Amino acid sequence: MEKIIIPVSLFAMIFGIVYLHLSTRNRERLALIEKGVDASLFKSAPSNIPVWKLLLLNLSLLLMGIGIGLLIISILQAYTALDSDAANTAIIFIMAGLSLYIGFTLSKKLEQ
């Protein structure tokens, strides 16, 4: 019985977040329409860069960041006494986050 609680609670949490997001967005849009705001507010400006290029840029930078993180881990384990799984995971996530931030800034520069 205890093993089923985690997947069910994870599903309930994800469902709750998505439901809250969609219902709040719907209420905001209905309130703006009632006030007479133009419907073009809901449409984002078209970008001249295809989505697949931005996705490919961010994915490639993410994979490079993870690879650099693994390289840093192997260097640290070879030359120091660091052998903690928590530190290894932290380095991977830090490098992946840094690479995604770099991808975000490069995407903004490409759109301008």
PDB file of N, CA and C in Angstrom:
ATOM      1  N   MET A   1       0.822  -1.198   0.000  1.00  0.00           N
ATOM      2  CA  MET A   1       0.000   0.000   0.000  1.00  0.00           C
ATOM      3  C   MET A   1       0.864   1.259   0.000  1.00  0.00           C
ATOM      4  N   GLU A   2       2.002   1.192   0.713  1.00  0.00           N
ATOM      5  CA  GLU A   2       2.845   2.388   0.811  1.00  0.00           C
ATOM      6  C   GLU A   2       3.515   2.709  -0.512  1.00  0.00           C
ATOM      7  N   LYS A   3       3.746   1.692  -1.352  1.00  0.00           N
ATOM      8  CA  LYS A   3       4.435   1.915  -2.616  1.00  0.00           C
ATOM      9  C   LYS A   3       3.572   2.666  -3.623  1.00  0.00           C
ATOM     10  N   ILE A   4       2.267   2.597  -3.488  1.00  0.00           N
ATOM     11  CA  ILE A   4       1.371   3.243  -4.442  1.00  0.00           C
ATOM     12  C   ILE A   4       1.154   4.710  -4.106  1.00  0.00           C
ATOM     13  N   ILE A   5       1.464   5.134  -2.900  1.00  0.00           N
ATOM     14  CA  ILE A   5       1.198   6.506  -2.481  1.00  0.00           C
ATOM     15  C   ILE A   5       2.050   7.503  -3.270  1.00  0.00           C
ATOM     16  N   ILE A   6       3.296   7.190  -3.525  1.00  0.00           N
ATOM     17  CA  ILE A   6       4.189   8.134  -4.201  1.00  0.00           C
ATOM     18  C   ILE A   6       3.742   8.398  -5.642  1.00  0.00           C
ATOM     19  N   PRO A   7       3.490   7.393  -6.483  1.00  0.00           N
ATOM     20  CA  PRO A   7       3.035   7.713  -7.847  1.00  0.00           C
ATOM     21  C   PRO A   7       1.686   8.427  -7.880  1.00  0.00           C
ATOM     22  N   VAL A   8       0.782   8.036  -6.997  1.00  0.00           N
ATOM     23  CA  VAL A   8      -0.531   8.680  -6.975  1.00  0.00           C
ATOM     24  C   VAL A   8      -0.400  10.140  -6.543  1.00  0.00           C
ATOM     25  N   SER A   9       0.414  10.403  -5.527  1.00  0.00           N
ATOM     26  CA  SER A   9       0.573  11.783  -5.080  1.00  0.00           C
ATOM     27  C   SER A   9       1.318  12.618  -6.119  1.00  0.00           C
ATOM     28  N   LEU A  10       2.276  12.029  -6.837  1.00  0.00           N
ATOM     29  CA  LEU A  10       2.965  12.744  -7.902  1.00  0.00           C
ATOM     30  C   LEU A  10       1.994  13.108  -9.020  1.00  0.00           C
ATOM     31  N   PHE A  11       1.159  12.153  -9.423  1.00  0.00           N
ATOM     32  CA  PHE A  11       0.160  12.428 -10.450  1.00  0.00           C
ATOM     33  C   PHE A  11      -0.814  13.499  -9.994  1.00  0.00           C
ATOM     34  N   ALA A  12      -1.257  13.428  -8.734  1.00  0.00           N
ATOM     35  CA  ALA A  12      -2.197  14.426  -8.209  1.00  0.00           C
ATOM     36  C   ALA A  12      -1.558  15.815  -8.172  1.00  0.00           C
ATOM     37  N   MET A  13      -0.290  15.887  -7.822  1.00  0.00           N
ATOM     38  CA  MET A  13       0.399  17.171  -7.780  1.00  0.00           C
ATOM     39  C   MET A  13       0.516  17.773  -9.178  1.00  0.00           C
ATOM     40  N   ILE A  14       0.914  16.965 -10.156  1.00  0.00           N
ATOM     41  CA  ILE A  14       1.048  17.464 -11.524  1.00  0.00           C
ATOM     42  C   ILE A  14      -0.311  17.884 -12.074  1.00  0.00           C
ATOM     43  N   PHE A  15      -1.334  17.086 -11.833  1.00  0.00           N
ATOM     44  CA  PHE A  15      -2.678  17.433 -12.280  1.00  0.00           C
ATOM     45  C   PHE A  15      -3.145  18.734 -11.627  1.00  0.00           C
ATOM     46  N   GLY A  16      -2.882  18.899 -10.335  1.00  0.00           N
ATOM     47  CA  GLY A  16      -3.293  20.118  -9.640  1.00  0.00           C
ATOM     48  C   GLY A  16      -2.601  21.360 -10.175  1.00  0.00           C
ATOM     49  N   ILE A  17      -1.321  21.253 -10.466  1.00  0.00           N
ATOM     50  CA  ILE A  17      -0.584  22.404 -11.004  1.00  0.00           C
ATOM     51  C   ILE A  17      -1.110  22.780 -12.381  1.00  0.00           C
ATOM     52  N   VAL A  18      -1.312  21.787 -13.254  1.00  0.00           N
ATOM     53  CA  VAL A  18      -1.819  22.070 -14.598  1.00  0.00           C
ATOM     54  C   VAL A  18      -3.230  22.636 -14.529  1.00  0.00           C
ATOM     55  N   TYR A  19      -4.088  22.074 -13.691  1.00  0.00           N
ATOM     56  CA  TYR A  19      -5.461  22.566 -13.560  1.00  0.00           C
ATOM     57  C   TYR A  19      -5.484  23.997 -13.036  1.00  0.00           C
ATOM     58  N   LEU A  20      -4.675  24.279 -12.031  1.00  0.00           N
ATOM     59  CA  LEU A  20      -4.624  25.629 -11.480  1.00  0.00           C
ATOM     60  C   LEU A  20      -4.127  26.626 -12.519  1.00  0.00           C
ATOM     61  N   HIS A  21      -3.121  26.248 -13.284  1.00  0.00           N
ATOM     62  CA  HIS A  21      -2.595  27.135 -14.326  1.00  0.00           C
ATOM     63  C   HIS A  21      -3.649  27.426 -15.388  1.00  0.00           C
ATOM     64  N   LEU A  22      -4.315  26.378 -15.881  1.00  0.00           N
ATOM     65  CA  LEU A  22      -5.300  26.568 -16.939  1.00  0.00           C
ATOM     66  C   LEU A  22      -6.527  27.335 -16.463  1.00  0.00           C
ATOM     67  N   SER A  23      -6.998  27.055 -15.263  1.00  0.00           N
ATOM     68  CA  SER A  23      -8.185  27.766 -14.776  1.00  0.00           C
ATOM     69  C   SER A  23      -7.871  29.234 -14.484  1.00  0.00           C
ATOM     70  N   THR A  24      -6.688  29.516 -13.961  1.00  0.00           N
ATOM     71  CA  THR A  24      -6.309  30.903 -13.709  1.00  0.00           C
ATOM     72  C   THR A  24      -6.151  31.666 -15.012  1.00  0.00           C
ATOM     73  N   ARG A  25      -5.531  31.042 -16.006  1.00  0.00           N
ATOM     74  CA  ARG A  25      -5.371  31.691 -17.309  1.00  0.00           C
ATOM     75  C   ARG A  25      -6.726  31.975 -17.942  1.00  0.00           C
ATOM     76  N   ASN A  26      -7.664  31.046 -17.814  1.00  0.00           N
ATOM     77  CA  ASN A  26      -8.995  31.237 -18.376  1.00  0.00           C
ATOM     78  C   ASN A  26      -9.708  32.399 -17.684  1.00  0.00           C
ATOM     79  N   ARG A  27      -9.615  32.475 -16.363  1.00  0.00           N
ATOM     80  CA  ARG A  27     -10.251  33.580 -15.635  1.00  0.00           C
ATOM     81  C   ARG A  27      -9.658  34.924 -16.027  1.00  0.00           C
ATOM     82  N   GLU A  28      -8.340  34.979 -16.170  1.00  0.00           N
ATOM     83  CA  GLU A  28      -7.699  36.234 -16.562  1.00  0.00           C
ATOM     84  C   GLU A  28      -8.152  36.668 -17.952  1.00  0.00           C
ATOM     85  N   ARG A  29      -8.226  35.733 -18.864  1.00  0.00           N
ATOM     86  CA  ARG A  29      -8.649  36.066 -20.228  1.00  0.00           C
ATOM     87  C   ARG A  29     -10.101  36.517 -20.265  1.00  0.00           C
ATOM     88  N   LEU A  30     -10.962  35.848 -19.509  1.00  0.00           N
ATOM     89  CA  LEU A  30     -12.369  36.264 -19.462  1.00  0.00           C
ATOM     90  C   LEU A  30     -12.517  37.653 -18.857  1.00  0.00           C
ATOM     91  N   ALA A  31     -11.725  37.957 -17.832  1.00  0.00           N
ATOM     92  CA  ALA A  31     -11.793  39.289 -17.225  1.00  0.00           C
ATOM     93  C   ALA A  31     -11.325  40.360 -18.204  1.00  0.00           C
ATOM     94  N   LEU A  32     -10.287  40.073 -18.982  1.00  0.00           N
ATOM     95  CA  LEU A  32      -9.807  41.044 -19.961  1.00  0.00           C
ATOM     96  C   LEU A  32     -10.811  41.231 -21.098  1.00  0.00           C
ATOM     97  N   ILE A  33     -11.455  40.147 -21.510  1.00  0.00           N
ATOM     98  CA  ILE A  33     -12.454  40.253 -22.573  1.00  0.00           C
ATOM     99  C   ILE A  33     -13.653  41.060 -22.090  1.00  0.00           C
ATOM    100  N   GLU A  34     -14.064  40.882 -20.833  1.00  0.00           N
ATOM    101  CA  GLU A  34     -15.184  41.646 -20.285  1.00  0.00           C
ATOM    102  C   GLU A  34     -14.881  43.137 -20.232  1.00  0.00           C
ATOM    103  N   LYS A  35     -13.618  43.475 -20.038  1.00  0.00           N
ATOM    104  CA  LYS A  35     -13.241  44.890 -19.999  1.00  0.00           C
ATOM    105  C   LYS A  35     -13.070  45.474 -21.392  1.00  0.00           C
ATOM    106  N   GLY A  36     -13.108  44.645 -22.411  1.00  0.00           N
ATOM    107  CA  GLY A  36     -13.031  45.130 -23.778  1.00  0.00           C
ATOM    108  C   GLY A  36     -11.623  45.251 -24.320  1.00  0.00           C
ATOM    109  N   VAL A  37     -10.685  44.534 -23.753  1.00  0.00           N
ATOM    110  CA  VAL A  37      -9.309  44.565 -24.234  1.00  0.00           C
ATOM    111  C   VAL A  37      -9.214  43.786 -25.543  1.00  0.00           C
ATOM    112  N   ASP A  38      -8.342  44.236 -26.440  1.00  0.00           N
ATOM    113  CA  ASP A  38      -8.179  43.604 -27.741  1.00  0.00           C
ATOM    114  C   ASP A  38      -7.668  42.166 -27.579  1.00  0.00           C
ATOM    115  N   ALA A  39      -8.175  41.273 -28.395  1.00  0.00           N
ATOM    116  CA  ALA A  39      -7.812  39.853 -28.295  1.00  0.00           C
ATOM    117  C   ALA A  39      -6.408  39.580 -28.807  1.00  0.00           C
ATOM    118  N   SER A  40      -5.784  40.525 -29.486  1.00  0.00           N
ATOM    119  CA  SER A  40      -4.427  40.308 -29.979  1.00  0.00           C
ATOM    120  C   SER A  40      -3.416  40.264 -28.842  1.00  0.00           C
ATOM    121  N   LEU A  41      -3.840  40.627 -27.654  1.00  0.00           N
ATOM    122  CA  LEU A  41      -2.975  40.559 -26.478  1.00  0.00           C
ATOM    123  C   LEU A  41      -2.566  39.116 -26.186  1.00  0.00           C
ATOM    124  N   PHE A  42      -3.418  38.150 -26.529  1.00  0.00           N
ATOM    125  CA  PHE A  42      -3.153  36.757 -26.219  1.00  0.00           C
ATOM    126  C   PHE A  42      -2.192  36.105 -27.200  1.00  0.00           C
ATOM    127  N   LYS A  43      -2.013  36.705 -28.356  1.00  0.00           N
ATOM    128  CA  LYS A  43      -1.129  36.123 -29.358  1.00  0.00           C
ATOM    129  C   LYS A  43       0.271  36.677 -29.167  1.00  0.00           C
ATOM    130  N   SER A  44       1.250  35.786 -29.197  1.00  0.00           N
ATOM    131  CA  SER A  44       2.634  36.240 -29.067  1.00  0.00           C
ATOM    132  C   SER A  44       3.139  36.693 -30.429  1.00  0.00           C
ATOM    133  N   ALA A  45       4.155  37.524 -30.406  1.00  0.00           N
ATOM    134  CA  ALA A  45       4.723  38.021 -31.647  1.00  0.00           C
ATOM    135  C   ALA A  45       5.429  36.883 -32.380  1.00  0.00           C
ATOM    136  N   PRO A  46       5.204  36.782 -33.682  1.00  0.00           N
ATOM    137  CA  PRO A  46       5.855  35.694 -34.419  1.00  0.00           C
ATOM    138  C   PRO A  46       7.366  35.913 -34.484  1.00  0.00           C
ATOM    139  N   SER A  47       8.086  34.848 -34.307  1.00  0.00           N
ATOM    140  CA  SER A  47       9.541  34.904 -34.353  1.00  0.00           C
ATOM    141  C   SER A  47      10.004  34.480 -35.737  1.00  0.00           C
ATOM    142  N   ASN A  48      11.081  35.092 -36.205  1.00  0.00           N
ATOM    143  CA  ASN A  48      11.582  34.740 -37.523  1.00  0.00           C
ATOM    144  C   ASN A  48      12.516  33.539 -37.478  1.00  0.00           C
ATOM    145  N   ILE A  49      12.781  33.014 -36.276  1.00  0.00           N
ATOM    146  CA  ILE A  49      13.636  31.843 -36.121  1.00  0.00           C
ATOM    147  C   ILE A  49      12.753  30.616 -35.887  1.00  0.00           C
ATOM    148  N   PRO A  50      12.963  29.550 -36.638  1.00  0.00           N
ATOM    149  CA  PRO A  50      12.151  28.339 -36.418  1.00  0.00           C
ATOM    150  C   PRO A  50      12.374  27.759 -35.016  1.00  0.00           C
ATOM    151  N   VAL A  51      11.333  27.151 -34.501  1.00  0.00           N
ATOM    152  CA  VAL A  51      11.378  26.594 -33.155  1.00  0.00           C
ATOM    153  C   VAL A  51      12.394  25.466 -33.061  1.00  0.00           C
ATOM    154  N   TRP A  52      12.533  24.687 -34.108  1.00  0.00           N
ATOM    155  CA  TRP A  52      13.451  23.550 -34.051  1.00  0.00           C
ATOM    156  C   TRP A  52      14.888  24.006 -33.898  1.00  0.00           C
ATOM    157  N   LYS A  53      15.235  25.180 -34.427  1.00  0.00           N
ATOM    158  CA  LYS A  53      16.599  25.668 -34.263  1.00  0.00           C
ATOM    159  C   LYS A  53      16.873  26.055 -32.813  1.00  0.00           C
ATOM    160  N   LEU A  54      15.891  26.700 -32.180  1.00  0.00           N
ATOM    161  CA  LEU A  54      16.067  27.071 -30.781  1.00  0.00           C
ATOM    162  C   LEU A  54      16.121  25.830 -29.889  1.00  0.00           C
ATOM    163  N   LEU A  55      15.273  24.853 -30.195  1.00  0.00           N
ATOM    164  CA  LEU A  55      15.273  23.608 -29.430  1.00  0.00           C
ATOM    165  C   LEU A  55      16.595  22.866 -29.590  1.00  0.00           C
ATOM    166  N   LEU A  56      17.100  22.818 -30.803  1.00  0.00           N
ATOM    167  CA  LEU A  56      18.365  22.150 -31.065  1.00  0.00           C
ATOM    168  C   LEU A  56      19.523  22.861 -30.375  1.00  0.00           C
ATOM    169  N   LEU A  57      19.502  24.194 -30.383  1.00  0.00           N
ATOM    170  CA  LEU A  57      20.538  24.964 -29.698  1.00  0.00           C
ATOM    171  C   LEU A  57      20.539  24.680 -28.202  1.00  0.00           C
ATOM    172  N   ASN A  58      19.360  24.733 -27.590  1.00  0.00           N
ATOM    173  CA  ASN A  58      19.281  24.497 -26.150  1.00  0.00           C
ATOM    174  C   ASN A  58      19.612  23.057 -25.791  1.00  0.00           C
ATOM    175  N   LEU A  59      19.176  22.099 -26.589  1.00  0.00           N
ATOM    176  CA  LEU A  59      19.469  20.696 -26.304  1.00  0.00           C
ATOM    177  C   LEU A  59      20.959  20.400 -26.444  1.00  0.00           C
ATOM    178  N   SER A  60      21.574  20.969 -27.469  1.00  0.00           N
ATOM    179  CA  SER A  60      23.009  20.725 -27.639  1.00  0.00           C
ATOM    180  C   SER A  60      23.814  21.357 -26.513  1.00  0.00           C
ATOM    181  N   LEU A  61      23.428  22.556 -26.093  1.00  0.00           N
ATOM    182  CA  LEU A  61      24.128  23.181 -24.976  1.00  0.00           C
ATOM    183  C   LEU A  61      23.902  22.418 -23.677  1.00  0.00           C
ATOM    184  N   LEU A  62      22.695  21.870 -23.496  1.00  0.00           N
ATOM    185  CA  LEU A  62      22.427  21.072 -22.303  1.00  0.00           C
ATOM    186  C   LEU A  62      23.299  19.835 -22.264  1.00  0.00           C
ATOM    187  N   LEU A  63      23.398  19.131 -23.375  1.00  0.00           N
ATOM    188  CA  LEU A  63      24.229  17.923 -23.415  1.00  0.00           C
ATOM    189  C   LEU A  63      25.704  18.254 -23.242  1.00  0.00           C
ATOM    190  N   MET A  64      26.154  19.382 -23.806  1.00  0.00           N
ATOM    191  CA  MET A  64      27.542  19.789 -23.592  1.00  0.00           C
ATOM    192  C   MET A  64      27.788  20.145 -22.126  1.00  0.00           C
ATOM    193  N   GLY A  65      26.808  20.788 -21.494  1.00  0.00           N
ATOM    194  CA  GLY A  65      26.950  21.122 -20.074  1.00  0.00           C
ATOM    195  C   GLY A  65      27.036  19.883 -19.205  1.00  0.00           C
ATOM    196  N   ILE A  66      26.226  18.876 -19.508  1.00  0.00           N
ATOM    197  CA  ILE A  66      26.286  17.625 -18.746  1.00  0.00           C
ATOM    198  C   ILE A  66      27.626  16.941 -18.978  1.00  0.00           C
ATOM    199  N   GLY A  67      28.106  16.951 -20.208  1.00  0.00           N
ATOM    200  CA  GLY A  67      29.411  16.351 -20.499  1.00  0.00           C
ATOM    201  C   GLY A  67      30.543  17.067 -19.776  1.00  0.00           C
ATOM    202  N   ILE A  68      30.500  18.390 -19.745  1.00  0.00           N
ATOM    203  CA  ILE A  68      31.530  19.149 -19.020  1.00  0.00           C
ATOM    204  C   ILE A  68      31.430  18.859 -17.524  1.00  0.00           C
ATOM    205  N   GLY A  69      30.206  18.721 -17.012  1.00  0.00           N
ATOM    206  CA  GLY A  69      30.037  18.373 -15.608  1.00  0.00           C
ATOM    207  C   GLY A  69      30.643  17.022 -15.281  1.00  0.00           C
ATOM    208  N   LEU A  70      30.442  16.040 -16.148  1.00  0.00           N
ATOM    209  CA  LEU A  70      31.040  14.722 -15.933  1.00  0.00           C
ATOM    210  C   LEU A  70      32.559  14.780 -16.012  1.00  0.00           C
ATOM    211  N   LEU A  71      33.083  15.615 -16.908  1.00  0.00           N
ATOM    212  CA  LEU A  71      34.531  15.799 -17.000  1.00  0.00           C
ATOM    213  C   LEU A  71      35.085  16.428 -15.724  1.00  0.00           C
ATOM    214  N   ILE A  72      34.403  17.418 -15.196  1.00  0.00           N
ATOM    215  CA  ILE A  72      34.841  18.056 -13.945  1.00  0.00           C
ATOM    216  C   ILE A  72      34.821  17.045 -12.804  1.00  0.00           C
ATOM    217  N   ILE A  73      33.778  16.206 -12.766  1.00  0.00           N
ATOM    218  CA  ILE A  73      33.690  15.183 -11.725  1.00  0.00           C
ATOM    219  C   ILE A  73      34.872  14.218 -11.809  1.00  0.00           C
ATOM    220  N   SER A  74      35.200  13.763 -13.006  1.00  0.00           N
ATOM    221  CA  SER A  74      36.309  12.813 -13.132  1.00  0.00           C
ATOM    222  C   SER A  74      37.640  13.461 -12.764  1.00  0.00           C
ATOM    223  N   ILE A  75      37.817  14.731 -13.102  1.00  0.00           N
ATOM    224  CA  ILE A  75      39.042  15.436 -12.711  1.00  0.00           C
ATOM    225  C   ILE A  75      39.110  15.588 -11.195  1.00  0.00           C
ATOM    226  N   LEU A  76      37.987  15.959 -10.566  1.00  0.00           N
ATOM    227  CA  LEU A  76      37.980  16.122  -9.111  1.00  0.00           C
ATOM    228  C   LEU A  76      38.228  14.799  -8.395  1.00  0.00           C
ATOM    229  N   GLN A  77      37.674  13.718  -8.913  1.00  0.00           N
ATOM    230  CA  GLN A  77      37.893  12.428  -8.273  1.00  0.00           C
ATOM    231  C   GLN A  77      39.316  11.936  -8.461  1.00  0.00           C
ATOM    232  N   ALA A  78      39.972  12.316  -9.547  1.00  0.00           N
ATOM    233  CA  ALA A  78      41.340  11.869  -9.794  1.00  0.00           C
ATOM    234  C   ALA A  78      42.350  12.636  -8.932  1.00  0.00           C
ATOM    235  N   TYR A  79      42.102  13.914  -8.711  1.00  0.00           N
ATOM    236  CA  TYR A  79      43.103  14.730  -8.036  1.00  0.00           C
ATOM    237  C   TYR A  79      42.742  15.130  -6.608  1.00  0.00           C
ATOM    238  N   THR A  80      41.539  14.810  -6.149  1.00  0.00           N
ATOM    239  CA  THR A  80      41.153  15.123  -4.772  1.00  0.00           C
ATOM    240  C   THR A  80      40.558  13.881  -4.128  1.00  0.00           C
ATOM    241  N   ALA A  81      40.203  14.012  -2.872  1.00  0.00           N
ATOM    242  CA  ALA A  81      39.591  12.907  -2.145  1.00  0.00           C
ATOM    243  C   ALA A  81      38.069  12.958  -2.219  1.00  0.00           C
ATOM    244  N   LEU A  82      37.530  13.821  -3.083  1.00  0.00           N
ATOM    245  CA  LEU A  82      36.088  13.964  -3.226  1.00  0.00           C
ATOM    246  C   LEU A  82      35.515  12.735  -3.922  1.00  0.00           C
ATOM    247  N   ASP A  83      34.641  12.029  -3.227  1.00  0.00           N
ATOM    248  CA  ASP A  83      34.015  10.852  -3.808  1.00  0.00           C
ATOM    249  C   ASP A  83      32.557  10.770  -3.357  1.00  0.00           C
ATOM    250  N   SER A  84      31.901  11.907  -3.261  1.00  0.00           N
ATOM    251  CA  SER A  84      30.531  11.958  -2.780  1.00  0.00           C
ATOM    252  C   SER A  84      29.554  11.951  -3.952  1.00  0.00           C
ATOM    253  N   ASP A  85      28.507  11.150  -3.820  1.00  0.00           N
ATOM    254  CA  ASP A  85      27.484  11.125  -4.864  1.00  0.00           C
ATOM    255  C   ASP A  85      26.707  12.430  -4.914  1.00  0.00           C
ATOM    256  N   ALA A  86      26.519  13.061  -3.765  1.00  0.00           N
ATOM    257  CA  ALA A  86      25.799  14.336  -3.732  1.00  0.00           C
ATOM    258  C   ALA A  86      26.571  15.420  -4.475  1.00  0.00           C
ATOM    259  N   ALA A  87      27.870  15.456  -4.307  1.00  0.00           N
ATOM    260  CA  ALA A  87      28.683  16.452  -5.016  1.00  0.00           C
ATOM    261  C   ALA A  87      28.675  16.187  -6.513  1.00  0.00           C
ATOM    262  N   ASN A  88      28.711  14.931  -6.900  1.00  0.00           N
ATOM    263  CA  ASN A  88      28.664  14.587  -8.323  1.00  0.00           C
ATOM    264  C   ASN A  88      27.353  15.049  -8.953  1.00  0.00           C
ATOM    265  N   THR A  89      26.251  14.771  -8.277  1.00  0.00           N
ATOM    266  CA  THR A  89      24.946  15.185  -8.785  1.00  0.00           C
ATOM    267  C   THR A  89      24.839  16.697  -8.840  1.00  0.00           C
ATOM    268  N   ALA A  90      25.356  17.362  -7.808  1.00  0.00           N
ATOM    269  CA  ALA A  90      25.290  18.827  -7.777  1.00  0.00           C
ATOM    270  C   ALA A  90      26.086  19.442  -8.924  1.00  0.00           C
ATOM    271  N   ILE A  91      27.250  18.912  -9.210  1.00  0.00           N
ATOM    272  CA  ILE A  91      28.067  19.449 -10.303  1.00  0.00           C
ATOM    273  C   ILE A  91      27.365  19.255 -11.640  1.00  0.00           C
ATOM    274  N   ILE A  92      26.740  18.109 -11.836  1.00  0.00           N
ATOM    275  CA  ILE A  92      26.024  17.862 -13.092  1.00  0.00           C
ATOM    276  C   ILE A  92      24.869  18.844 -13.249  1.00  0.00           C
ATOM    277  N   PHE A  93      24.081  19.037 -12.188  1.00  0.00           N
ATOM    278  CA  PHE A  93      22.949  19.959 -12.275  1.00  0.00           C
ATOM    279  C   PHE A  93      23.397  21.409 -12.431  1.00  0.00           C
ATOM    280  N   ILE A  94      24.478  21.791 -11.779  1.00  0.00           N
ATOM    281  CA  ILE A  94      24.983  23.158 -11.917  1.00  0.00           C
ATOM    282  C   ILE A  94      25.428  23.417 -13.347  1.00  0.00           C
ATOM    283  N   MET A  95      26.158  22.493 -13.932  1.00  0.00           N
ATOM    284  CA  MET A  95      26.625  22.676 -15.306  1.00  0.00           C
ATOM    285  C   MET A  95      25.460  22.624 -16.297  1.00  0.00           C
ATOM    286  N   ALA A  96      24.478  21.767 -16.056  1.00  0.00           N
ATOM    287  CA  ALA A  96      23.313  21.716 -16.942  1.00  0.00           C
ATOM    288  C   ALA A  96      22.522  23.015 -16.851  1.00  0.00           C
ATOM    289  N   GLY A  97      22.328  23.538 -15.656  1.00  0.00           N
ATOM    290  CA  GLY A  97      21.630  24.807 -15.489  1.00  0.00           C
ATOM    291  C   GLY A  97      22.381  25.959 -16.124  1.00  0.00           C
ATOM    292  N   LEU A  98      23.690  25.971 -15.971  1.00  0.00           N
ATOM    293  CA  LEU A  98      24.502  27.014 -16.588  1.00  0.00           C
ATOM    294  C   LEU A  98      24.401  26.954 -18.113  1.00  0.00           C
ATOM    295  N   SER A  99      24.416  25.757 -18.664  1.00  0.00           N
ATOM    296  CA  SER A  99      24.316  25.639 -20.121  1.00  0.00           C
ATOM    297  C   SER A  99      22.929  26.052 -20.612  1.00  0.00           C
ATOM    298  N   LEU A 100      21.876  25.756 -19.859  1.00  0.00           N
ATOM    299  CA  LEU A 100      20.542  26.202 -20.261  1.00  0.00           C
ATOM    300  C   LEU A 100      20.417  27.716 -20.179  1.00  0.00           C
ATOM    301  N   TYR A 101      21.059  28.334 -19.190  1.00  0.00           N
ATOM    302  CA  TYR A 101      21.050  29.796 -19.102  1.00  0.00           C
ATOM    303  C   TYR A 101      21.784  30.405 -20.295  1.00  0.00           C
ATOM    304  N   ILE A 102      22.908  29.829 -20.671  1.00  0.00           N
ATOM    305  CA  ILE A 102      23.645  30.312 -21.837  1.00  0.00           C
ATOM    306  C   ILE A 102      22.788  30.149 -23.098  1.00  0.00           C
ATOM    307  N   GLY A 103      22.083  29.027 -23.204  1.00  0.00           N
ATOM    308  CA  GLY A 103      21.188  28.815 -24.339  1.00  0.00           C
ATOM    309  C   GLY A 103      20.063  29.827 -24.380  1.00  0.00           C
ATOM    310  N   PHE A 104      19.547  30.195 -23.207  1.00  0.00           N
ATOM    311  CA  PHE A 104      18.485  31.205 -23.142  1.00  0.00           C
ATOM    312  C   PHE A 104      18.987  32.557 -23.611  1.00  0.00           C
ATOM    313  N   THR A 105      20.176  32.951 -23.155  1.00  0.00           N
ATOM    314  CA  THR A 105      20.714  34.250 -23.572  1.00  0.00           C
ATOM    315  C   THR A 105      21.049  34.248 -25.064  1.00  0.00           C
ATOM    316  N   LEU A 106      21.557  33.138 -25.584  1.00  0.00           N
ATOM    317  CA  LEU A 106      21.840  33.067 -27.017  1.00  0.00           C
ATOM    318  C   LEU A 106      20.536  33.111 -27.827  1.00  0.00           C
ATOM    319  N   SER A 107      19.487  32.484 -27.332  1.00  0.00           N
ATOM    320  CA  SER A 107      18.188  32.520 -28.031  1.00  0.00           C
ATOM    321  C   SER A 107      17.636  33.940 -28.071  1.00  0.00           C
ATOM    322  N   LYS A 108      17.792  34.668 -26.970  1.00  0.00           N
ATOM    323  CA  LYS A 108      17.322  36.063 -26.955  1.00  0.00           C
ATOM    324  C   LYS A 108      18.115  36.903 -27.939  1.00  0.00           C
ATOM    325  N   LYS A 109      19.423  36.668 -28.050  1.00  0.00           N
ATOM    326  CA  LYS A 109      20.237  37.423 -28.994  1.00  0.00           C
ATOM    327  C   LYS A 109      19.870  37.082 -30.436  1.00  0.00           C
ATOM    328  N   LEU A 110      19.530  35.817 -30.700  1.00  0.00           N
ATOM    329  CA  LEU A 110      19.145  35.423 -32.051  1.00  0.00           C
ATOM    330  C   LEU A 110      17.827  36.055 -32.468  1.00  0.00           C
ATOM    331  N   GLU A 111      16.901  36.221 -31.532  1.00  0.00           N
ATOM    332  CA  GLU A 111      15.588  36.779 -31.857  1.00  0.00           C
ATOM    333  C   GLU A 111      15.657  38.285 -32.105  1.00  0.00           C
ATOM    334  N   GLN A 112      16.680  38.941 -31.603  1.00  0.00           N
ATOM    335  CA  GLN A 112      16.779  40.393 -31.783  1.00  0.00           C
ATOM    336  C   GLN A 112      17.427  40.768 -33.057  1.00  0.00           C
TER     337      GLN A 112
END
